[in-house]
C-alpha atoms as a PDB file:
ATOM      1  CA  MET A   1      55.155 -86.286  25.565  1.00  0.00           C
ATOM      2  CA  ILE A   2      57.818 -88.974  25.649  1.00  0.00           C
ATOM      3  CA  PHE A   3      60.190 -89.159  28.609  1.00  0.00           C
ATOM      4  CA  CYS A   4      63.671 -89.670  27.210  1.00  0.00           C
ATOM      5  CA  SER A   5      67.038 -90.599  28.669  1.00  0.00           C
ATOM      6  CA  TYR A   6      70.411 -89.798  27.127  1.00  0.00           C
ATOM      7  CA  LYS A   7      72.509 -92.807  26.124  1.00  0.00           C
ATOM      8  CA  ILE A   8      76.146 -93.131  27.086  1.00  0.00           C
ATOM      9  CA  GLY A   9      77.902 -95.856  25.128  1.00  0.00           C
ATOM     10  CA  GLY A  10      74.511 -97.092  23.968  1.00  0.00           C
ATOM     11  CA  LEU A  11      73.140 -97.392  27.535  1.00  0.00           C
ATOM     12  CA  ALA A  12      70.398 -95.142  28.931  1.00  0.00           C
ATOM     13  CA  VAL A  13      71.236 -93.102  32.020  1.00  0.00           C
ATOM     14  CA  GLY A  14      68.926 -93.834  34.910  1.00  0.00           C
ATOM     15  CA  ARG A  15      67.820 -97.150  33.425  1.00  0.00           C
ATOM     16  CA  SER A  16      71.119 -98.895  32.640  1.00  0.00           C
ATOM     17  CA  ILE A  17      73.593 -96.397  34.104  1.00  0.00           C
ATOM     18  CA  GLU A  18      72.952 -95.280  37.669  1.00  0.00           C
ATOM     19  CA  ILE A  19      75.926 -92.933  38.053  1.00  0.00           C
ATOM     20  CA  TRP A  20      77.298 -90.645  35.361  1.00  0.00           C
ATOM     21  CA  LYS A  21      79.489 -87.585  34.983  1.00  0.00           C
ATOM     22  CA  THR A  22      78.350 -84.335  33.408  1.00  0.00           C
ATOM     23  CA  SER A  23      81.228 -84.670  30.973  1.00  0.00           C
ATOM     24  CA  ASP A  24      79.756 -87.993  29.792  1.00  0.00           C
ATOM     25  CA  LEU A  25      76.677 -86.161  28.499  1.00  0.00           C
ATOM     26  CA  ASN A  26      78.578 -84.146  25.861  1.00  0.00           C
ATOM     27  CA  GLY A  27      76.530 -81.062  26.650  1.00  0.00           C
ATOM     28  CA  ASN A  28      73.186 -82.881  26.482  1.00  0.00           C
ATOM     29  CA  GLU A  29      70.484 -83.008  29.146  1.00  0.00           C
ATOM     30  CA  PRO A  30      70.369 -86.384  30.947  1.00  0.00           C
ATOM     31  CA  PHE A  31      66.562 -86.476  30.729  1.00  0.00           C
ATOM     32  CA  LEU A  32      63.972 -84.575  28.735  1.00  0.00           C
ATOM     33  CA  PHE A  33      60.349 -84.639  27.616  1.00  0.00           C
ATOM     34  CA  SER A  34      59.900 -84.542  23.850  1.00  0.00           C
ATOM     35  CA  ASP A  35      57.239 -85.169  21.191  1.00  0.00           C
ATOM     36  CA  SER A  36      59.641 -87.646  19.591  1.00  0.00           C
ATOM     37  CA  VAL A  37      62.805 -89.426  20.688  1.00  0.00           C
ATOM     38  CA  PRO A  38      65.844 -87.287  19.736  1.00  0.00           C
ATOM     39  CA  ALA A  39      69.010 -88.863  18.355  1.00  0.00           C
ATOM     40  CA  GLY A  40      71.178 -90.202  21.156  1.00  0.00           C
ATOM     41  CA  TYR A  41      68.232 -90.699  23.525  1.00  0.00           C
ATOM     42  CA  GLU A  42      66.016 -93.622  24.529  1.00  0.00           C
ATOM     43  CA  ASN A  43      62.320 -93.709  25.434  1.00  0.00           C
ATOM     44  CA  ILE A  44      62.042 -94.597  29.134  1.00  0.00           C
ATOM     45  CA  SER A  45      58.482 -93.351  29.664  1.00  0.00           C
ATOM     46  CA  SER A  46      56.984 -94.790  32.835  1.00  0.00           C
ATOM     47  CA  VAL A  47      55.453 -93.478  36.033  1.00  0.00           C
ATOM     48  CA  GLU A  48      58.419 -94.727  38.052  1.00  0.00           C
ATOM     49  CA  ASN A  49      61.047 -93.144  35.806  1.00  0.00           C
ATOM     50  CA  ILE A  50      59.241 -89.803  35.677  1.00  0.00           C
ATOM     51  CA  TYR A  51      58.962 -89.898  39.474  1.00  0.00           C
ATOM     52  CA  LYS A  52      62.674 -90.658  39.876  1.00  0.00           C
ATOM     53  CA  PHE A  53      64.137 -88.390  37.220  1.00  0.00           C
ATOM     54  CA  GLY A  54      61.469 -85.903  36.129  1.00  0.00           C
ATOM     55  CA  ASN A  55      62.880 -83.160  38.345  1.00  0.00           C
ATOM     56  CA  LEU A  56      66.171 -83.424  36.431  1.00  0.00           C
ATOM     57  CA  THR A  57      64.434 -82.063  33.319  1.00  0.00           C
ATOM     58  CA  LYS A  58      64.282 -78.674  35.077  1.00  0.00           C
ATOM     59  CA  LEU A  59      60.506 -78.575  34.600  1.00  0.00           C
ATOM     60  CA  ASP A  60      58.512 -77.520  37.635  1.00  0.00           C
ATOM     61  CA  PHE A  61      56.589 -79.917  39.882  1.00  0.00           C
ATOM     62  CA  LYS A  62      53.148 -79.412  38.357  1.00  0.00           C
ATOM     63  CA  LYS A  63      54.392 -79.958  34.803  1.00  0.00           C
ATOM     64  CA  VAL A  64      56.217 -83.155  35.801  1.00  0.00           C
ATOM     65  CA  ARG A  65      53.054 -84.381  37.528  1.00  0.00           C
ATOM     66  CA  ASP A  66      50.958 -83.532  34.456  1.00  0.00           C
ATOM     67  CA  GLU A  67      53.359 -85.534  32.271  1.00  0.00           C
ATOM     68  CA  MET A  68      53.093 -88.461  34.699  1.00  0.00           C
ATOM     69  CA  LYS A  69      49.317 -88.333  34.430  1.00  0.00           C
ATOM     70  CA  GLN A  70      49.541 -88.121  30.643  1.00  0.00           C
ATOM     71  CA  THR A  71      51.660 -91.281  30.667  1.00  0.00           C
ATOM     72  CA  VAL A  72      48.838 -93.061  32.491  1.00  0.00           C
ATOM     73  CA  LEU A  73      46.274 -91.645  30.054  1.00  0.00           C
ATOM     74  CA  ASP A  74      48.380 -92.745  27.086  1.00  0.00           C
ATOM     75  CA  LEU A  75      48.577 -96.253  28.545  1.00  0.00           C
ATOM     76  CA  GLY A  76      44.797 -96.354  28.912  1.00  0.00           C
ATOM     77  CA  SER A  77      44.311 -95.097  25.347  1.00  0.00           C
ATOM     78  CA  LEU A  78      46.783 -97.637  24.013  1.00  0.00           C
ATOM     79  CA  LYS A  79      44.929-100.484  25.705  1.00  0.00           C
ATOM     80  CA  THR A  80      41.508 -99.392  24.411  1.00  0.00           C
ATOM     81  CA  LEU A  81      41.119-101.287  21.138  1.00  0.00           C
ATOM     82  CA  SER A  82      37.931 -99.963  19.539  1.00  0.00           C
ATOM     83  CA  THR A  83      34.346 -98.861  20.142  1.00  0.00           C
ATOM     84  CA  GLU A  84      31.932-101.778  20.427  1.00  0.00           C
ATOM     85  CA  THR A  85      28.326-102.335  21.523  1.00  0.00           C
ATOM     86  CA  ASP A  86      27.875-106.128  21.700  1.00  0.00           C
ATOM     87  CA  PRO A  87      30.272-108.090  23.935  1.00  0.00           C
ATOM     88  CA  ASP A  88      28.909-111.392  22.603  1.00  0.00           C
ATOM     89  CA  SER A  89      30.325-110.552  19.153  1.00  0.00           C
ATOM     90  CA  LEU A  90      33.878-110.384  20.562  1.00  0.00           C
ATOM     91  CA  THR A  91      36.485-113.018  21.373  1.00  0.00           C
ATOM     92  CA  PRO A  92      38.649-110.999  23.759  1.00  0.00           C
ATOM     93  CA  ASN A  93      41.903-112.036  25.338  1.00  0.00           C
ATOM     94  CA  ALA A  94      42.678-111.252  28.965  1.00  0.00           C
ATOM     95  CA  ASP A  95      43.341-107.503  29.425  1.00  0.00           C
ATOM     96  CA  ASP A  96      41.689-106.480  26.141  1.00  0.00           C
ATOM     97  CA  ALA A  97      39.666-103.300  26.631  1.00  0.00           C
ATOM     98  CA  PHE A  98      36.913-101.652  24.581  1.00  0.00           C
ATOM     99  CA  LEU A  99      35.030 -98.360  24.644  1.00  0.00           C
ATOM    100  CA  ILE A 100      31.328 -99.139  24.991  1.00  0.00           C
ATOM    101  CA  GLY A 101      29.341 -97.355  22.297  1.00  0.00           C
ATOM    102  CA  SER A 102      25.801 -96.006  22.332  1.00  0.00           C
ATOM    103  CA  GLY A 103      22.994 -98.558  22.512  1.00  0.00           C
ATOM    104  CA  ALA A 104      25.109-101.361  23.955  1.00  0.00           C
ATOM    105  CA  VAL A 105      23.490-104.759  24.497  1.00  0.00           C
ATOM    106  CA  GLY A 106      24.047-107.902  26.539  1.00  0.00           C
ATOM    107  CA  ASP A 107      26.353-107.513  29.535  1.00  0.00           C
ATOM    108  CA  TRP A 108      27.024-103.922  28.469  1.00  0.00           C
ATOM    109  CA  VAL A 109      23.434-102.638  28.693  1.00  0.00           C
ATOM    110  CA  ASN A 110      23.276 -99.196  30.366  1.00  0.00           C
ATOM    111  CA  LYS A 111      27.067 -98.895  30.332  1.00  0.00           C
ATOM    112  CA  ASP A 112      27.381 -96.605  27.300  1.00  0.00           C
ATOM    113  CA  GLY A 113      30.513 -94.471  27.357  1.00  0.00           C
ATOM    114  CA  GLN A 114      32.374 -96.633  29.845  1.00  0.00           C
ATOM    115  CA  ILE A 115      35.427 -98.768  29.151  1.00  0.00           C
ATOM    116  CA  ALA A 116      35.124-102.538  29.532  1.00  0.00           C
ATOM    117  CA  LYS A 117      38.244-104.567  30.267  1.00  0.00           C
ATOM    118  CA  PHE A 118      38.147-108.356  30.029  1.00  0.00           C
ATOM    119  CA  ASP A 119      40.040-109.909  32.936  1.00  0.00           C
ATOM    120  CA  GLY A 120      39.989-113.412  31.443  1.00  0.00           C
ATOM    121  CA  SER A 121      36.565-114.414  32.739  1.00  0.00           C
ATOM    122  CA  VAL A 122      34.395-111.324  33.351  1.00  0.00           C
ATOM    123  CA  TRP A 123      34.179-107.710  32.222  1.00  0.00           C
ATOM    124  CA  VAL A 124      35.527-104.984  34.512  1.00  0.00           C
ATOM    125  CA  TYR A 125      34.243-101.459  33.916  1.00  0.00           C
ATOM    126  CA  PHE A 126      35.938 -98.089  34.160  1.00  0.00           C
ATOM    127  CA  GLY A 127      34.419 -94.649  34.132  1.00  0.00           C
ATOM    128  CA  ASN A 128      31.190 -93.039  35.179  1.00  0.00           C
ATOM    129  CA  SER A 129      32.289 -89.406  34.835  1.00  0.00           C
ATOM    130  CA  GLY A 130      33.557 -89.013  31.286  1.00  0.00           C
ATOM    131  CA  ILE A 131      35.830 -90.815  28.885  1.00  0.00           C
ATOM    132  CA  SER A 132      38.975 -89.039  30.131  1.00  0.00           C
ATOM    133  CA  SER A 133      38.422 -90.344  33.664  1.00  0.00           C
ATOM    134  CA  ALA A 134      37.717 -93.811  32.309  1.00  0.00           C
ATOM    135  CA  VAL A 135      40.914 -93.846  30.240  1.00  0.00           C
ATOM    136  CA  GLU A 136      42.898 -92.606  33.233  1.00  0.00           C
ATOM    137  CA  SER A 137      41.500 -95.310  35.503  1.00  0.00           C
ATOM    138  CA  LEU A 138      42.095 -97.977  32.867  1.00  0.00           C
ATOM    139  CA  GLY A 139      45.716 -96.875  32.465  1.00  0.00           C
ATOM    140  CA  PHE A 140      46.142 -96.942  36.235  1.00  0.00           C
ATOM    141  CA  SER A 141      44.945-100.542  36.322  1.00  0.00           C
ATOM    142  CA  TYR A 142      47.963-101.627  34.246  1.00  0.00           C
ATOM    143  CA  LEU A 143      50.535-100.113  36.636  1.00  0.00           C
ATOM    144  CA  ASN A 144      52.615-102.372  38.850  1.00  0.00           C
ATOM    145  CA  PRO A 145      52.276-102.011  42.664  1.00  0.00           C
ATOM    146  CA  ILE A 146      55.202 -99.586  42.954  1.00  0.00           C
ATOM    147  CA  GLU A 147      53.924 -97.354  40.156  1.00  0.00           C
ATOM    148  CA  SER A 148      50.351 -97.548  41.473  1.00  0.00           C
ATOM    149  CA  LYS A 149      51.498 -96.165  44.798  1.00  0.00           C
ATOM    150  CA  ILE A 150      53.526 -93.408  43.137  1.00  0.00           C
ATOM    151  CA  ALA A 151      50.589 -92.421  40.913  1.00  0.00           C
ATOM    152  CA  ALA A 152      48.181 -92.492  43.861  1.00  0.00           C
ATOM    153  CA  GLY A 153      50.478 -90.106  45.727  1.00  0.00           C
ATOM    154  CA  TYR A 154      50.112 -87.719  42.786  1.00  0.00           C
ATOM    155  CA  LEU A 155      46.295 -88.096  42.856  1.00  0.00           C
ATOM    156  CA  ILE A 156      46.178 -90.053  39.594  1.00  0.00           C
ATOM    157  CA  GLY A 157      43.501 -92.724  39.097  1.00  0.00           C
ATOM    158  CA  SER A 158      40.120 -93.086  40.782  1.00  0.00           C
ATOM    159  CA  ILE A 159      39.667 -92.752  44.535  1.00  0.00           C
ATOM    160  CA  PRO A 160      39.103 -96.539  44.985  1.00  0.00           C
ATOM    161  CA  GLN A 161      42.283 -97.223  42.987  1.00  0.00           C
ATOM    162  CA  GLN A 162      44.268 -94.755  45.074  1.00  0.00           C
ATOM    163  CA  ILE A 163      43.009 -96.332  48.304  1.00  0.00           C
ATOM    164  CA  ALA A 164      43.778 -99.847  47.063  1.00  0.00           C
ATOM    165  CA  ALA A 165      47.306 -98.780  46.095  1.00  0.00           C
ATOM    166  CA  TYR A 166      47.975 -97.960  49.744  1.00  0.00           C
ATOM    167  CA  ASN A 167      46.425-101.189  51.016  1.00  0.00           C
ATOM    168  CA  TYR A 168      44.067 -99.012  53.038  1.00  0.00           C
ATOM    169  CA  ASP A 169      46.889 -97.364  54.967  1.00  0.00           C
ATOM    170  CA  ALA A 170      44.944 -94.117  55.361  1.00  0.00           C
ATOM    171  CA  GLU A 171      47.634 -92.349  57.386  1.00  0.00           C
ATOM    172  CA  GLU A 172      50.344 -92.968  54.799  1.00  0.00           C
ATOM    173  CA  LYS A 173      48.107 -91.784  51.974  1.00  0.00           C
ATOM    174  CA  GLU A 174      47.078 -88.711  53.964  1.00  0.00           C
ATOM    175  CA  ASN A 175      50.744 -87.812  54.444  1.00  0.00           C
ATOM    176  CA  ASP A 176      51.449 -88.209  50.725  1.00  0.00           C
ATOM    177  CA  GLN A 177      48.436 -86.090  49.803  1.00  0.00           C
ATOM    178  CA  PHE A 178      49.537 -83.389  52.244  1.00  0.00           C
ATOM    179  CA  LEU A 179      53.010 -83.288  50.675  1.00  0.00           C
ATOM    180  CA  TYR A 180      51.501 -83.270  47.193  1.00  0.00           C
ATOM    181  CA  LYS A 181      49.317 -80.282  48.094  1.00  0.00           C
ATOM    182  CA  ILE A 182      52.304 -78.393  49.505  1.00  0.00           C
ATOM    183  CA  TYR A 183      54.390 -79.043  46.382  1.00  0.00           C
ATOM    184  CA  VAL A 184      51.580 -78.028  44.019  1.00  0.00           C
ATOM    185  CA  GLN A 185      50.797 -74.853  45.953  1.00  0.00           C
ATOM    186  CA  ASP A 186      54.469 -73.866  45.995  1.00  0.00           C
ATOM    187  CA  CYS A 187      54.710 -74.510  42.269  1.00  0.00           C
ATOM    188  CA  ARG A 188      51.576 -72.497  41.511  1.00  0.00           C
ATOM    189  CA  LYS A 189      52.746 -69.603  43.692  1.00  0.00           C
ATOM    190  CA  LYS A 190      55.982 -69.469  41.694  1.00  0.00           C
ATOM    191  CA  ARG A 191      54.003 -69.493  38.445  1.00  0.00           C
ATOM    192  CA  PHE A 192      51.758 -66.707  39.690  1.00  0.00           C
ATOM    193  CA  LYS A 193      54.784 -64.674  40.799  1.00  0.00           C
ATOM    194  CA  TRP A 194      56.139 -65.073  37.268  1.00  0.00           C
ATOM    195  CA  ALA A 195      52.791 -63.770  35.952  1.00  0.00           C
ATOM    196  CA  GLU A 196      52.963 -60.700  38.211  1.00  0.00           C
ATOM    197  CA  ASN A 197      56.455 -59.920  36.924  1.00  0.00           C
ATOM    198  CA  HIS A 198      55.239 -60.532  33.374  1.00  0.00           C
ATOM    199  CA  PHE A 199      52.513 -57.925  33.859  1.00  0.00           C
ATOM    200  CA  LEU A 200      55.020 -55.400  35.201  1.00  0.00           C
ATOM    201  CA  GLN A 201      57.470 -56.014  32.384  1.00  0.00           C
ATOM    202  CA  GLN A 202      54.969 -56.108  29.523  1.00  0.00           C
ATOM    203  CA  ILE A 203      52.013 -53.901  30.511  1.00  0.00           C
ATOM    204  CA  PRO A 204      53.265 -51.751  33.433  1.00  0.00           C
ATOM    205  CA  ALA A 205      50.616 -49.055  32.909  1.00  0.00           C
ATOM    206  CA  ASN A 206      47.822 -51.622  33.265  1.00  0.00           C
ATOM    207  CA  THR A 207      49.277 -53.930  35.922  1.00  0.00           C
ATOM    208  CA  ALA A 208      47.498 -52.250  38.848  1.00  0.00           C
ATOM    209  CA  GLU A 209      44.118 -52.711  37.139  1.00  0.00           C
ATOM    210  CA  VAL A 210      44.801 -56.372  36.353  1.00  0.00           C
ATOM    211  CA  LEU A 211      46.009 -57.238  39.854  1.00  0.00           C
ATOM    212  CA  SER A 212      43.073 -55.377  41.408  1.00  0.00           C
ATOM    213  CA  VAL A 213      40.593 -57.567  39.512  1.00  0.00           C
ATOM    214  CA  ILE A 214      42.544 -60.715  40.374  1.00  0.00           C
ATOM    215  CA  GLU A 215      42.680 -59.898  44.078  1.00  0.00           C
ATOM    216  CA  THR A 216      39.103 -58.589  44.339  1.00  0.00           C
ATOM    217  CA  ASP A 217      37.718 -61.799  42.852  1.00  0.00           C
ATOM    218  CA  PHE A 218      40.178 -64.046  44.736  1.00  0.00           C
ATOM    219  CA  LEU A 219      41.477 -65.462  41.464  1.00  0.00           C
ATOM    220  CA  ASN A 220      45.003 -65.641  42.872  1.00  0.00           C
ATOM    221  CA  SER A 221      44.099 -67.715  45.944  1.00  0.00           C
ATOM    222  CA  ARG A 222      41.735 -69.877  43.889  1.00  0.00           C
ATOM    223  CA  TYR A 223      44.646 -70.595  41.562  1.00  0.00           C
ATOM    224  CA  TYR A 224      47.417 -71.477  43.999  1.00  0.00           C
ATOM    225  CA  GLU A 225      45.502 -72.534  47.120  1.00  0.00           C
ATOM    226  CA  HIS A 226      42.623 -74.482  45.603  1.00  0.00           C
ATOM    227  CA  GLY A 227      43.806 -75.412  42.098  1.00  0.00           C
ATOM    228  CA  LEU A 228      40.873 -73.684  40.386  1.00  0.00           C
ATOM    229  CA  ASP A 229      41.870 -72.546  36.890  1.00  0.00           C
ATOM    230  CA  GLY A 230      38.571 -71.701  35.205  1.00  0.00           C
ATOM    231  CA  MET A 231      35.037 -72.848  34.457  1.00  0.00           C
ATOM    232  CA  PHE A 232      34.966 -73.104  30.674  1.00  0.00           C
ATOM    233  CA  GLU A 233      38.366 -74.492  29.738  1.00  0.00           C
ATOM    234  CA  PHE A 234      39.029 -76.555  32.861  1.00  0.00           C
ATOM    235  CA  GLY A 235      35.518 -77.420  34.067  1.00  0.00           C
ATOM    236  CA  ASP A 236      35.993 -75.973  37.543  1.00  0.00           C
ATOM    237  CA  ILE A 237      33.068 -75.064  39.793  1.00  0.00           C
ATOM    238  CA  ALA A 238      34.131 -71.431  40.140  1.00  0.00           C
ATOM    239  CA  GLU A 239      35.563 -68.734  37.924  1.00  0.00           C
ATOM    240  CA  GLY A 240      39.328 -68.734  37.641  1.00  0.00           C
ATOM    241  CA  LEU A 241      42.272 -66.949  36.079  1.00  0.00           C
ATOM    242  CA  SER A 242      41.685 -68.439  32.635  1.00  0.00           C
ATOM    243  CA  ASP A 243      38.156 -66.965  32.600  1.00  0.00           C
ATOM    244  CA  TYR A 244      39.517 -63.493  33.337  1.00  0.00           C
ATOM    245  CA  ILE A 245      42.337 -63.842  30.828  1.00  0.00           C
ATOM    246  CA  ASP A 246      39.990 -64.965  28.017  1.00  0.00           C
ATOM    247  CA  GLY A 247      36.831 -63.062  28.965  1.00  0.00           C
ATOM    248  CA  THR A 248      34.943 -66.343  29.074  1.00  0.00           C
ATOM    249  CA  PRO A 249      31.254 -66.177  27.986  1.00  0.00           C
ATOM    250  CA  GLY A 250      28.815 -66.888  30.806  1.00  0.00           C
ATOM    251  CA  THR A 251      31.161 -65.583  33.501  1.00  0.00           C
ATOM    252  CA  LYS A 252      31.385 -62.118  35.059  1.00  0.00           C
ATOM    253  CA  PHE A 253      34.379 -61.510  32.788  1.00  0.00           C
ATOM    254  CA  GLU A 254      32.445 -62.121  29.562  1.00  0.00           C
ATOM    255  CA  ASN A 255      33.996 -60.034  26.757  1.00  0.00           C
ATOM    256  CA  ASN A 256      35.858 -58.019  29.392  1.00  0.00           C
ATOM    257  CA  GLY A 257      38.942 -60.114  29.950  1.00  0.00           C
ATOM    258  CA  ILE A 258      42.561 -59.232  29.362  1.00  0.00           C
ATOM    259  CA  ARG A 259      42.351 -60.679  25.849  1.00  0.00           C
ATOM    260  CA  GLN A 260      39.676 -58.135  24.896  1.00  0.00           C
ATOM    261  CA  LYS A 261      41.741 -55.124  25.986  1.00  0.00           C
ATOM    262  CA  ASN A 262      43.280 -52.836  23.377  1.00  0.00           C
ATOM    263  CA  TRP A 263      46.526 -52.659  25.288  1.00  0.00           C
ATOM    264  CA  ILE A 264      49.879 -53.145  23.600  1.00  0.00           C
ATOM    265  CA  THR A 265      52.889 -54.576  25.428  1.00  0.00           C
ATOM    266  CA  LEU A 266      56.154 -52.673  25.684  1.00  0.00           C
ATOM    267  CA  PHE A 267      57.541 -55.110  23.111  1.00  0.00           C
ATOM    268  CA  GLY A 268      54.757 -54.483  20.617  1.00  0.00           C
ATOM    269  CA  SER A 269      52.705 -57.638  21.113  1.00  0.00           C
ATOM    270  CA  ASN A 270      48.906 -57.525  21.087  1.00  0.00           C
ATOM    271  CA  MET A 271      46.832 -58.962  23.921  1.00  0.00           C
ATOM    272  CA  SER A 272      46.079 -62.207  22.117  1.00  0.00           C
ATOM    273  CA  THR A 273      49.773 -63.096  21.896  1.00  0.00           C
ATOM    274  CA  PHE A 274      50.351 -61.855  25.432  1.00  0.00           C
ATOM    275  CA  CYS A 275      47.486 -63.970  26.815  1.00  0.00           C
ATOM    276  CA  ASP A 276      48.596 -67.104  24.973  1.00  0.00           C
ATOM    277  CA  GLU A 277      52.034 -66.842  26.557  1.00  0.00           C
ATOM    278  CA  LEU A 278      50.503 -66.106  29.955  1.00  0.00           C
ATOM    279  CA  LYS A 279      48.239 -69.163  29.838  1.00  0.00           C
ATOM    280  CA  ASP A 280      51.053 -71.384  28.621  1.00  0.00           C
ATOM    281  CA  LYS A 281      53.079 -70.576  31.724  1.00  0.00           C
ATOM    282  CA  LEU A 282      50.195 -70.601  34.222  1.00  0.00           C
ATOM    283  CA  PHE A 283      48.386 -73.743  33.094  1.00  0.00           C
ATOM    284  CA  TYR A 284      50.423 -75.823  30.682  1.00  0.00           C
ATOM    285  CA  ASN A 285      54.195 -75.841  30.294  1.00  0.00           C
ATOM    286  CA  GLY A 286      54.980 -73.734  33.318  1.00  0.00           C
ATOM    287  CA  ILE A 287      58.170 -71.946  34.212  1.00  0.00           C
ATOM    288  CA  ASN A 288      61.655 -73.364  34.029  1.00  0.00           C
ATOM    289  CA  SER A 289      62.721 -74.369  37.539  1.00  0.00           C
ATOM    290  CA  GLU A 290      66.205 -72.947  37.122  1.00  0.00           C
END
C-alpha cells in the first residue's frame, strides 16, 4: 500500500511540516496506508518515513514492518524492466535491472530466475532462493545508507546486505535484531490474545477444543515465539496456526481444521467467514493498536 501524509496548506506533515496541531488536521489522520492517495494527502512512501511515522497510523508493529518490506519489494519490482535471456542483445544504462529468463546465454548462463542489475560496467546478480527474495534484495540495493540501516534492523534484504548496512558492526546489529524480536513477539502475543477473545465471543462452546489443539501442538508458541505461521501458505518448516485454521492438506490437520467444522458463530457466521477474519488479524492486517 501507499504511505500517505495529510497536507496542511498544501504541505505534507512529517515531510514539510515537522510540528502540527490536531486541530490542523480537520479530523483527518496525519498518516495512513492506502491503496490509492486520498484527497488532501500526499504519497510519502519510503523506508525512512514509514520508520518515523508508521506507528502514528495506529497499525501494530508487525503490520508496519510488513508495509516497510513491501515498499522495498515494490522498489525492486519497479526497477526490474523485463524478462530477458541474452545480455548481449541489450544496451543497458547504469542501474537497469532485468529478470533472467529460462535458457539464458552469455554472461547469464546458469543464472535463470535471478535478477541482473547493470552497475555501469558489469552485471550484479540478486537472488538464489526465489524471485521474491531477489526482488527484495534488488529493492534494498537502491536504498540510501540511512534507509539501508533501518531496513536491516527490520530484517529486510539479504544477510550480506544487512551486514554491509552496519559496516560490520556486529554488536550494533545484534542489539537491533534483539529489539526487533522483542517487538515482533509482543505484537504477535497481542494478536493471539485477540484470537483467544474472538473464540470466546464467537464460538464459546467450542473454544476449549480449539485452544486444546493449539496448545497440544505448540501452535501458539510457534506463532509468537518463533514466527512460524504455517507450511502451505507461508512456506514454514513446521505446521502452524494457518494449517490448523484451514485444515491444510499434507499436515496432521488435513480436512480437520477449524474451517471444516460445522460450527456456527453466535452472530450467525459460518466457519469460512470466521476463519477469513481470524487469518486477516493473525497474519495480515493485524489488530488496531488503540
